[in-house]
Amino acid sequence: DELLHELGGSERVAEMTGRSHRMVKGQGRTWESEKRKKDNVRERQMFQDGEKRVAIISEAASTGISLHADRRAKTHHKR
């Protein structure tokens, strides 16, 4: 959660995990629990399209997911 926060938060980082909650930095130095939408397919697409430049993926979510550059994606950045 701290890594996700340091890399720009859920607005900039695609998180593909099986988690239903995550910790987000609240006011000051406190961390608060936040419900997470488990939409790994959408997160993957946002990463592939360049809307999110960083992806965090867990072993549980990695089965069957490819993050390689794809001709069908909006962007063709090296991954």
C-alpha atoms as a PDB file:
ATOM      1  CA  ASP A   1       0.000   0.000   0.000  1.00  0.00           C
ATOM      2  CA  GLU A   2       2.866   2.339   0.764  1.00  0.00           C
ATOM      3  CA  LEU A   3       4.451   1.554  -2.621  1.00  0.00           C
ATOM      4  CA  LEU A   4       1.148   2.198  -4.389  1.00  0.00           C
ATOM      5  CA  HIS A   5       0.877   5.525  -2.544  1.00  0.00           C
ATOM      6  CA  GLU A   6       4.453   6.568  -3.411  1.00  0.00           C
ATOM      7  CA  LEU A   7       3.909   5.770  -7.111  1.00  0.00           C
ATOM      8  CA  GLY A   8       0.885   8.066  -7.376  1.00  0.00           C
ATOM      9  CA  GLY A   9      -2.035   6.232  -5.788  1.00  0.00           C
ATOM     10  CA  SER A  10      -4.863   4.316  -7.408  1.00  0.00           C
ATOM     11  CA  GLU A  11      -5.436   7.124  -9.936  1.00  0.00           C
ATOM     12  CA  ARG A  12      -2.023   6.467 -11.525  1.00  0.00           C
ATOM     13  CA  VAL A  13      -1.247   2.843 -10.638  1.00  0.00           C
ATOM     14  CA  ALA A  14      -3.055  -0.209 -12.009  1.00  0.00           C
ATOM     15  CA  GLU A  15      -3.478  -2.679  -9.143  1.00  0.00           C
ATOM     16  CA  MET A  16      -4.253  -6.225 -10.213  1.00  0.00           C
ATOM     17  CA  THR A  17      -4.683  -8.294  -7.074  1.00  0.00           C
ATOM     18  CA  GLY A  18      -7.315 -10.323  -5.318  1.00  0.00           C
ATOM     19  CA  ARG A  19      -7.616  -7.830  -2.471  1.00  0.00           C
ATOM     20  CA  SER A  20     -11.001  -6.419  -1.522  1.00  0.00           C
ATOM     21  CA  HIS A  21      -9.576  -3.559   0.614  1.00  0.00           C
ATOM     22  CA  ARG A  22      -6.461  -1.420   0.576  1.00  0.00           C
ATOM     23  CA  MET A  23      -4.927   1.084   2.934  1.00  0.00           C
ATOM     24  CA  VAL A  24      -4.831   4.706   1.741  1.00  0.00           C
ATOM     25  CA  LYS A  25      -3.115   7.643   3.339  1.00  0.00           C
ATOM     26  CA  GLY A  26      -5.683   9.877   4.999  1.00  0.00           C
ATOM     27  CA  GLN A  27      -5.277  13.284   6.594  1.00  0.00           C
ATOM     28  CA  GLY A  28      -1.867  13.736   8.144  1.00  0.00           C
ATOM     29  CA  ARG A  29       0.068  10.515   8.624  1.00  0.00           C
ATOM     30  CA  THR A  30      -2.845   8.168   9.249  1.00  0.00           C
ATOM     31  CA  TRP A  31      -3.734   5.234   7.014  1.00  0.00           C
ATOM     32  CA  GLU A  32      -7.367   4.300   6.436  1.00  0.00           C
ATOM     33  CA  SER A  33      -8.973   1.198   4.977  1.00  0.00           C
ATOM     34  CA  GLU A  34     -10.728   1.690   1.628  1.00  0.00           C
ATOM     35  CA  LYS A  35     -12.929  -0.774  -0.233  1.00  0.00           C
ATOM     36  CA  ARG A  36     -11.401  -1.690  -3.573  1.00  0.00           C
ATOM     37  CA  LYS A  37     -13.299  -2.545  -6.741  1.00  0.00           C
ATOM     38  CA  LYS A  38     -11.867  -5.864  -7.874  1.00  0.00           C
ATOM     39  CA  ASP A  39     -11.883  -5.054 -11.578  1.00  0.00           C
ATOM     40  CA  ASN A  40      -8.551  -6.446 -12.721  1.00  0.00           C
ATOM     41  CA  VAL A  41      -9.645  -6.546 -16.366  1.00  0.00           C
ATOM     42  CA  ARG A  42     -10.364  -2.801 -16.378  1.00  0.00           C
ATOM     43  CA  GLU A  43      -7.116  -2.043 -14.530  1.00  0.00           C
ATOM     44  CA  ARG A  44      -5.204  -4.095 -17.110  1.00  0.00           C
ATOM     45  CA  GLN A  45      -6.880  -2.249 -19.987  1.00  0.00           C
ATOM     46  CA  MET A  46      -6.094   1.139 -18.443  1.00  0.00           C
ATOM     47  CA  PHE A  47      -2.448   0.080 -18.153  1.00  0.00           C
ATOM     48  CA  GLN A  48      -2.360  -1.215 -21.733  1.00  0.00           C
ATOM     49  CA  ASP A  49      -3.961   2.007 -23.012  1.00  0.00           C
ATOM     50  CA  GLY A  50      -1.433   4.201 -21.191  1.00  0.00           C
ATOM     51  CA  GLU A  51      -3.973   5.722 -18.796  1.00  0.00           C
ATOM     52  CA  LYS A  52      -1.933   4.251 -15.932  1.00  0.00           C
ATOM     53  CA  ARG A  53       1.840   3.976 -16.447  1.00  0.00           C
ATOM     54  CA  VAL A  54       2.582   1.647 -13.503  1.00  0.00           C
ATOM     55  CA  ALA A  55       1.127  -1.792 -12.784  1.00  0.00           C
ATOM     56  CA  ILE A  56       1.288  -3.743  -9.539  1.00  0.00           C
ATOM     57  CA  ILE A  57       0.236  -7.355  -9.989  1.00  0.00           C
ATOM     58  CA  SER A  58       0.082 -10.184  -7.478  1.00  0.00           C
ATOM     59  CA  GLU A  59       0.779 -13.826  -8.197  1.00  0.00           C
ATOM     60  CA  ALA A  60      -2.902 -14.621  -7.668  1.00  0.00           C
ATOM     61  CA  ALA A  61      -3.999 -12.128 -10.337  1.00  0.00           C
ATOM     62  CA  SER A  62      -1.226 -12.901 -12.822  1.00  0.00           C
ATOM     63  CA  THR A  63      -2.735 -16.134 -14.138  1.00  0.00           C
ATOM     64  CA  GLY A  64      -3.813 -15.564 -17.721  1.00  0.00           C
ATOM     65  CA  ILE A  65      -2.939 -11.844 -17.804  1.00  0.00           C
ATOM     66  CA  SER A  66      -0.387 -10.516 -20.288  1.00  0.00           C
ATOM     67  CA  LEU A  67       1.037  -7.025 -19.892  1.00  0.00           C
ATOM     68  CA  HIS A  68       3.206  -7.144 -22.999  1.00  0.00           C
ATOM     69  CA  ALA A  69       2.851  -4.422 -25.603  1.00  0.00           C
ATOM     70  CA  ASP A  70      -0.180  -5.187 -27.747  1.00  0.00           C
ATOM     71  CA  ARG A  71      -0.946  -3.854 -31.216  1.00  0.00           C
ATOM     72  CA  ARG A  72      -4.624  -3.577 -30.239  1.00  0.00           C
ATOM     73  CA  ALA A  73      -3.867  -1.255 -27.305  1.00  0.00           C
ATOM     74  CA  LYS A  74      -4.037   2.540 -27.680  1.00  0.00           C
ATOM     75  CA  THR A  75      -0.331   2.877 -26.830  1.00  0.00           C
ATOM     76  CA  HIS A  76       2.607   0.706 -27.802  1.00  0.00           C
ATOM     77  CA  HIS A  77       5.077   1.718 -25.075  1.00  0.00           C
ATOM     78  CA  LYS A  78       7.688  -0.827 -24.122  1.00  0.00           C
ATOM     79  CA  ARG A  79       6.662  -2.620 -20.968  1.00  0.00           C
END
